[in-house]
Structures are given as C-alpha cells and as structure tokens.
C-alpha cells in the first residue's frame, strides 16, 4: 500500500476525531453555564436574597402579596371575605409600599432559602417530613422596622413561632437528587468542555478552522440556552394554577434567570467575536506579515 492513501486516511481520522471533540465541547458549554447558575447562583443565600430584593418594589408582586395576604386575613376575620376583604386588601397594599414590607420580604426570602438549602444538604434529615419555615424572624424584622419608623405600639407586636410548610416531602426528594447532580456537573462540565476544546483543536488538521468551529459552536450553544430560558418561562407560566398571579410569577422568573440570560448572550458575543477574529486573521493576516517590497535603490554617489 502506498503511503499516500494511508496518510489521507490518517488525516480523515484526525478530522473526524477533532469534529467529535469540538461537538462535545459545544454541547457542554451551555450545560456548564446552566449547572453553574443553579449551583453557585440559586444555591447561594446571600446572592438569592439580593436577587429577590428588588421584587419588593415590583407592582405585580406587591399586588399578588396584597391579594393573597388580604384574602387570608379577611377570611380569618369574618370567614367570607365579602365585607372586610376590600378594606383589608387596601390596607395590605399600602403596607407593601413601606420599608417594613421590604425588610420582611428580605427576611422571608432568607428564611425560606436557608430552610430549603439546609434540607437539601442534610442527608440525615427524615425524608417524610416537609420543609418548614419559622415566621418569628420575619415578624421580628418587620416589628423592628416599624419601631424604627416610630409607629405607635410597634414594640408590643407579639412574636410567635409559627411553622409554615414550604416544600412537601416528595418535592424535597426530587430536588435533592437534582441538586446532587448539579453540584457534580457544575464542577466537571466546565473542565470537560475546556479539555474537549483543547484536544479537538490540537488534533485538527487545520487548527484555524477548528478554532472557528469551536467559537461558532459556542455562540450557537449560547443562543440555544437563551431560547431554552425563554421557552422555560412560557411553560412555567402556562402550568401555574389560576390562583397564582402570572405577572408576579413572570417577574420572579425573570429575576432568577437574569444571570443565566446574561451568560447566554456573553457566550454568543464571545463566540462570534472569536470566529470573526479568526476569519479576519486568516483572510488578511498574510498581507500584514508580507514584507514590504523594496523601493528603488538610491543612486550611488559619483
């Protein structure tokens, strides 16, 4: 057998291997962004509270809180929500515009997040118990804020330890399995993506073309991730029960996925920029490297 067909076969094999490695890299890039967002973004209590804090000023969220809390309070007062309902809802809606509500909103989000995160990480926790939140810290935070605003009798507001269930045992078990997978994926998927990219570019017969393919694949992965976030929003809102405010739920979804949307568009921008740079240097780089043509030699002096 002549060496030329063997060499051509080796080149085809290298090209196929490079394409497979680059494809795996481009697949792992958006998955890495998704797992990192869930593990290091949603699972960080401080970052979660800071993300949710601006929603205390969102009109849709305030209206949803006013309607839910107002209906509950009115039902406890007269059992019908017919007579006291409008007045109670107006009072609660006015309260949602105060600093005390914002303080309670942050305290409630911190308490819920801490309780769920502790339940996810505690392997010894009974799997038959729901996740509950003690509302005493929330009441204390609101009470202190009202006292700072010199509201009469604010110091006499009773603080009772009331446990409220926020997550059923079945939901906790599913979340725990998903959380364990995301923790592993957030660590190893980025490493695998980088390793596949380096290996794919190294074995490629034309490395410039391999870099361009990797960059374009990264941009495509970022675009698909942005599309998945948009589709997920539509599906999430369509599956909500009628009693849940869709504008408020949409505001919460947008706040939680803001970092993920930013990451997806950064992948698109970075991928296209690298691909364009590689194409330009391949097309015009030889002109920059070409030595200038020698000029007309100066006449020798007589």
Protein backbone atom coordinates (compact mmCIF):
# COMPACT_ATOMS: atom_id res chain seq x y z
CA UNK A 1 0.00 0.00 0.00
CA UNK A 2 1.37 3.40 -0.93
CA UNK A 3 1.91 5.88 1.88
CA UNK A 4 -0.38 8.48 0.29
CA UNK A 5 -3.74 6.66 0.93
CA UNK A 6 -2.60 5.84 4.48
CA UNK A 7 -1.74 9.48 5.08
CA UNK A 8 -5.10 10.58 3.67
CA UNK A 9 -6.88 8.07 5.91
CA UNK A 10 -4.99 9.41 8.93
CA UNK A 11 -5.98 12.96 8.04
CA UNK A 12 -9.65 11.96 7.73
CA UNK A 13 -9.46 10.19 11.08
CA UNK A 14 -7.95 13.25 12.73
CA UNK A 15 -10.64 15.45 11.18
CA UNK A 16 -13.44 13.19 12.42
CA UNK A 17 -11.94 12.98 15.91
CA UNK A 18 -11.49 16.75 16.05
CA UNK A 19 -15.08 17.34 14.95
CA UNK A 20 -16.39 14.93 17.61
CA UNK A 21 -14.36 16.56 20.37
CA UNK A 22 -15.41 20.06 19.34
CA UNK A 23 -19.06 18.98 19.18
CA UNK A 24 -18.83 17.63 22.73
CA UNK A 25 -17.24 20.89 23.87
CA UNK A 26 -20.02 22.95 22.29
CA UNK A 27 -22.62 20.70 23.93
CA UNK A 28 -21.05 21.00 27.37
CA UNK A 29 -20.65 24.80 27.28
CA UNK A 30 -24.36 25.72 27.74
CA UNK A 31 -24.83 22.82 30.15
CA UNK A 32 -21.90 24.16 32.17
CA UNK A 33 -23.47 27.61 32.31
CA UNK A 34 -26.81 26.14 33.39
CA UNK A 35 -25.35 23.96 36.14
CA UNK A 36 -23.07 26.74 37.42
CA UNK A 37 -26.01 29.15 37.54
CA UNK A 38 -28.12 26.69 39.55
CA UNK A 39 -25.31 25.65 41.91
CA UNK A 40 -23.46 28.89 42.55
CA UNK A 41 -26.29 31.34 41.88
CA UNK A 42 -29.53 29.91 43.21
CA UNK A 43 -27.82 27.93 45.97
CA UNK A 44 -26.12 30.98 47.50
CA UNK A 45 -28.42 32.52 50.11
CA UNK A 46 -26.91 35.99 50.04
CA UNK A 47 -26.98 36.19 46.24
CA UNK A 48 -30.54 34.83 46.19
CA UNK A 49 -31.77 37.43 48.68
CA UNK A 50 -30.07 40.23 46.72
CA UNK A 51 -31.68 38.95 43.53
CA UNK A 52 -35.15 38.84 45.06
CA UNK A 53 -34.88 42.15 46.95
CA UNK A 54 -35.85 44.45 44.01
CA UNK A 55 -39.08 42.47 43.56
CA UNK A 56 -40.41 44.06 46.74
CA UNK A 57 -40.91 47.18 44.62
CA UNK A 58 -42.45 45.41 41.64
CA UNK A 59 -46.16 46.39 41.28
CA UNK A 60 -47.21 42.90 40.16
CA UNK A 61 -45.51 41.27 43.14
CA UNK A 62 -46.95 43.80 45.58
CA UNK A 63 -50.44 43.28 44.18
CA UNK A 64 -50.09 39.50 44.42
CA UNK A 65 -48.93 39.74 48.04
CA UNK A 66 -51.73 42.16 48.88
CA UNK A 67 -54.39 39.94 47.35
CA UNK A 68 -53.08 36.73 48.95
CA UNK A 69 -52.46 38.12 52.42
CA UNK A 70 -55.55 40.30 52.32
CA UNK A 71 -57.83 37.39 51.44
CA UNK A 72 -56.28 35.27 54.19
CA UNK A 73 -56.68 37.97 56.82
CA UNK A 74 -60.23 38.81 55.74
CA UNK A 75 -61.17 35.15 55.83
CA UNK A 76 -59.88 34.89 59.40
CA UNK A 77 -61.86 37.99 60.40
CA UNK A 78 -65.32 37.24 59.00
CA UNK A 79 -64.93 33.96 57.09
CA UNK A 80 -66.46 35.34 53.92
CA UNK A 81 -64.04 37.94 52.54
CA UNK A 82 -67.14 39.82 51.46
CA UNK A 83 -67.35 42.71 53.91
CA UNK A 84 -63.80 43.22 55.11
CA UNK A 85 -61.98 41.89 52.06
CA UNK A 86 -61.62 45.14 50.05
CA UNK A 87 -60.61 47.18 53.12
CA UNK A 88 -58.05 44.60 54.26
CA UNK A 89 -56.54 44.29 50.79
CA UNK A 90 -56.22 48.08 50.53
CA UNK A 91 -54.51 48.17 53.92
CA UNK A 92 -52.10 45.40 52.95
CA UNK A 93 -51.42 47.08 49.59
CA UNK A 94 -50.48 50.27 51.42
CA UNK A 95 -48.21 48.28 53.71
CA UNK A 96 -46.37 46.77 50.71
CA UNK A 97 -45.11 50.26 49.87
CA UNK A 98 -43.31 50.69 53.19
CA UNK A 99 -39.76 49.93 54.29
CA UNK A 100 -41.16 47.46 56.81
CA UNK A 101 -42.56 45.33 53.98
CA UNK A 102 -39.23 45.36 52.18
CA UNK A 103 -37.48 44.30 55.37
CA UNK A 104 -39.97 41.49 55.89
CA UNK A 105 -39.67 40.47 52.24
CA UNK A 106 -35.90 40.06 52.56
CA UNK A 107 -36.23 38.23 55.87
CA UNK A 108 -38.84 35.86 54.46
CA UNK A 109 -36.76 35.06 51.38
CA UNK A 110 -33.69 34.43 53.52
CA UNK A 111 -35.63 32.17 55.88
CA UNK A 112 -37.18 30.12 53.07
CA UNK A 113 -33.90 29.78 51.20
CA UNK A 114 -31.99 28.77 54.33
CA UNK A 115 -34.60 26.15 55.21
CA UNK A 116 -34.69 24.61 51.73
CA UNK A 117 -30.90 24.65 51.34
CA UNK A 118 -30.38 23.07 54.75
CA UNK A 119 -32.89 20.35 53.88
CA UNK A 120 -31.14 19.65 50.56
CA UNK A 121 -27.72 19.31 52.19
CA UNK A 122 -28.77 17.36 55.28
CA UNK A 123 -28.62 13.69 54.35
CA UNK A 124 -29.72 12.60 57.83
CA UNK A 125 -32.96 14.54 57.64
CA UNK A 126 -36.13 12.37 57.64
CA UNK A 127 -37.49 12.14 54.13
CA UNK A 128 -41.10 12.06 55.33
CA UNK A 129 -41.05 15.50 56.95
CA UNK A 130 -41.94 18.64 54.98
CA UNK A 131 -39.66 21.65 54.90
CA UNK A 132 -40.99 24.29 57.28
CA UNK A 133 -40.07 27.91 57.98
CA UNK A 134 -40.39 29.68 61.32
CA UNK A 135 -42.03 33.06 60.76
CA UNK A 136 -40.74 34.53 64.03
CA UNK A 137 -37.60 36.08 62.44
CA UNK A 138 -39.78 37.66 59.75
CA UNK A 139 -42.17 39.11 62.32
CA UNK A 140 -39.22 40.37 64.38
CA UNK A 141 -37.69 42.07 61.35
CA UNK A 142 -40.98 43.82 60.50
CA UNK A 143 -41.50 44.78 64.14
CA UNK A 144 -38.04 46.35 64.40
CA UNK A 145 -38.54 48.26 61.15
CA UNK A 146 -41.90 49.63 62.33
CA UNK A 147 -40.33 50.63 65.65
CA UNK A 148 -37.53 52.44 63.81
CA UNK A 149 -40.23 54.35 61.93
CA UNK A 150 -41.74 55.40 65.31
CA UNK A 151 -45.02 53.60 64.71
CA UNK A 152 -47.10 53.65 67.90
CA UNK A 153 -47.32 50.33 69.79
CA UNK A 154 -44.88 48.67 67.38
CA UNK A 155 -42.88 47.25 70.28
CA UNK A 156 -45.99 45.48 71.55
CA UNK A 157 -46.49 43.41 68.42
CA UNK A 158 -46.36 39.76 69.57
CA UNK A 159 -43.74 37.50 68.01
CA UNK A 160 -44.93 33.92 67.80
CA UNK A 161 -43.04 30.94 66.47
CA UNK A 162 -45.23 29.72 63.61
CA UNK A 163 -44.01 26.90 61.37
CA UNK A 164 -45.19 27.16 57.77
CA UNK A 165 -44.61 24.31 55.30
CA UNK A 166 -42.89 25.49 52.12
CA UNK A 167 -41.90 22.18 50.50
CA UNK A 168 -43.60 18.78 50.54
CA UNK A 169 -41.53 15.62 51.25
CA UNK A 170 -41.93 14.31 47.69
CA UNK A 171 -40.78 17.60 46.17
CA UNK A 172 -37.80 17.68 48.52
CA UNK A 173 -36.68 14.20 47.48
CA UNK A 174 -36.75 15.15 43.80
CA UNK A 175 -34.93 18.43 44.43
CA UNK A 176 -32.26 16.66 46.48
CA UNK A 177 -31.45 14.27 43.64
CA UNK A 178 -31.30 17.11 41.13
CA UNK A 179 -29.16 19.23 43.45
CA UNK A 180 -26.60 16.42 43.87
CA UNK A 181 -26.34 16.05 40.10
CA UNK A 182 -25.95 19.80 39.60
CA UNK A 183 -23.17 20.03 42.17
CA UNK A 184 -21.15 17.41 40.30
CA UNK A 185 -21.98 18.89 36.89
CA UNK A 186 -21.04 22.43 37.92
CA UNK A 187 -17.55 21.21 38.79
CA UNK A 188 -16.78 18.76 35.99
CA UNK A 189 -18.68 20.04 32.96
CA UNK A 190 -16.58 23.23 32.55
CA UNK A 191 -13.38 21.20 32.94
CA UNK A 192 -14.59 18.68 30.37
CA UNK A 193 -15.62 21.44 27.94
CA UNK A 194 -12.18 23.06 28.09
CA UNK A 195 -10.43 19.69 27.76
CA UNK A 196 -12.50 18.73 24.71
CA UNK A 197 -11.87 22.11 23.09
CA UNK A 198 -8.11 21.89 23.58
CA UNK A 199 -7.99 18.29 22.38
CA UNK A 200 -10.19 18.99 19.36
CA UNK A 201 -8.10 21.96 18.26
CA UNK A 202 -4.83 20.10 18.88
CA UNK A 203 -5.65 17.05 16.73
CA UNK A 204 -7.28 19.08 13.95
CA UNK A 205 -5.60 19.13 10.56
CA UNK A 206 -6.41 22.83 10.27
CA UNK A 207 -6.34 24.45 13.68
CA UNK A 208 -7.62 27.81 12.47
CA UNK A 209 -10.72 26.12 11.11
CA UNK A 210 -11.10 24.16 14.35
CA UNK A 211 -10.94 27.34 16.41
CA UNK A 212 -13.58 28.91 14.18
CA UNK A 213 -15.83 25.87 14.52
CA UNK A 214 -15.42 25.88 18.31
CA UNK A 215 -16.25 29.58 18.50
CA UNK A 216 -19.33 29.25 16.29
CA UNK A 217 -20.47 26.21 18.27
CA UNK A 218 -20.11 28.16 21.49
CA UNK A 219 -22.19 31.01 20.05
CA UNK A 220 -24.83 28.51 18.93
CA UNK A 221 -24.88 26.94 22.39
CA UNK A 222 -25.39 30.35 23.97
CA UNK A 223 -28.25 31.12 21.59
CA UNK A 224 -29.90 27.77 22.36
CA UNK A 225 -29.53 28.45 26.08
CA UNK A 226 -31.24 31.83 25.70
CA UNK A 227 -34.03 30.17 23.71
CA UNK A 228 -34.40 27.49 26.42
CA UNK A 229 -34.77 30.18 29.10
CA UNK A 230 -37.50 31.89 27.05
CA UNK A 231 -39.33 28.61 26.39
CA UNK A 232 -38.98 27.65 30.06
CA UNK A 233 -40.62 30.91 31.06
CA UNK A 234 -43.60 30.30 28.83
CA UNK A 235 -44.02 26.71 30.02
CA UNK A 236 -43.63 27.67 33.67
CA UNK A 237 -46.27 30.38 33.49
CA UNK A 238 -48.69 28.22 31.49
CA UNK A 239 -48.54 25.43 34.11
CA UNK A 240 -49.40 27.70 37.04
CA UNK A 241 -52.80 27.33 38.71
CA UNK A 242 -55.36 30.03 38.15
CA UNK A 243 -54.93 31.36 41.70
CA UNK A 244 -51.30 32.36 41.07
CA UNK A 245 -50.62 35.77 39.55
CA UNK A 246 -48.83 35.28 36.25
CA UNK A 247 -47.33 38.80 36.12
CA UNK A 248 -45.85 38.28 39.58
CA UNK A 249 -44.57 34.82 38.71
CA UNK A 250 -43.08 36.19 35.50
CA UNK A 251 -41.27 38.91 37.44
CA UNK A 252 -39.81 36.29 39.81
CA UNK A 253 -38.76 34.06 36.91
CA UNK A 254 -37.08 36.97 35.12
CA UNK A 255 -35.20 37.99 38.27
CA UNK A 256 -33.94 34.48 38.94
CA UNK A 257 -32.83 33.86 35.34
CA UNK A 258 -31.28 37.28 34.70
CA UNK A 259 -27.74 35.96 35.29
CA UNK A 260 -28.39 32.96 33.06
CA UNK A 261 -29.65 35.17 30.24
CA UNK A 262 -26.60 37.39 30.59
CA UNK A 263 -24.31 34.35 30.45
CA UNK A 264 -26.03 33.03 27.33
CA UNK A 265 -25.58 36.30 25.44
CA UNK A 266 -21.97 36.54 26.61
CA UNK A 267 -21.38 33.12 25.05
CA UNK A 268 -22.96 34.31 21.81
CA UNK A 269 -20.90 37.51 21.76
CA UNK A 270 -17.63 35.80 22.69
CA UNK A 271 -18.11 33.00 20.18
CA UNK A 272 -18.91 35.34 17.30
CA UNK A 273 -16.03 37.67 18.20
CA UNK A 274 -13.51 34.82 18.24
CA UNK A 275 -14.87 33.37 15.00
CA UNK A 276 -14.73 36.77 13.29
CA UNK A 277 -11.21 37.43 14.54
CA UNK A 278 -10.01 34.04 13.34
CA UNK A 279 -11.60 34.56 9.93
CA UNK A 280 -10.12 38.03 9.53
CA UNK A 281 -6.63 36.95 10.54
CA UNK A 282 -6.82 34.01 8.16
CA UNK A 283 -8.03 36.15 5.28
CA UNK A 284 -5.90 39.24 5.75
CA UNK A 285 -3.16 38.16 8.11
CA UNK A 286 -0.78 37.18 5.29
CA UNK A 287 -0.94 40.75 3.98
CA UNK A 288 0.23 42.05 7.33
CA UNK A 289 3.02 39.51 7.53
CA UNK A 290 4.23 40.09 3.91
CA UNK A 291 7.47 42.06 3.89
CA UNK A 292 7.28 45.41 2.10
CA UNK A 293 8.53 45.47 -1.46
CA UNK A 294 11.94 47.07 -1.77
CA UNK A 295 11.91 50.57 -3.11
CA UNK A 296 14.00 51.97 -5.94
CA UNK A 297 17.65 51.89 -4.87
CA UNK A 298 19.21 55.23 -4.30
CA UNK A 299 21.80 56.24 -6.93
CA UNK A 300 25.33 55.68 -5.89
CA UNK A 301 27.39 58.84 -5.48
CA UNK A 302 30.00 59.52 -8.17
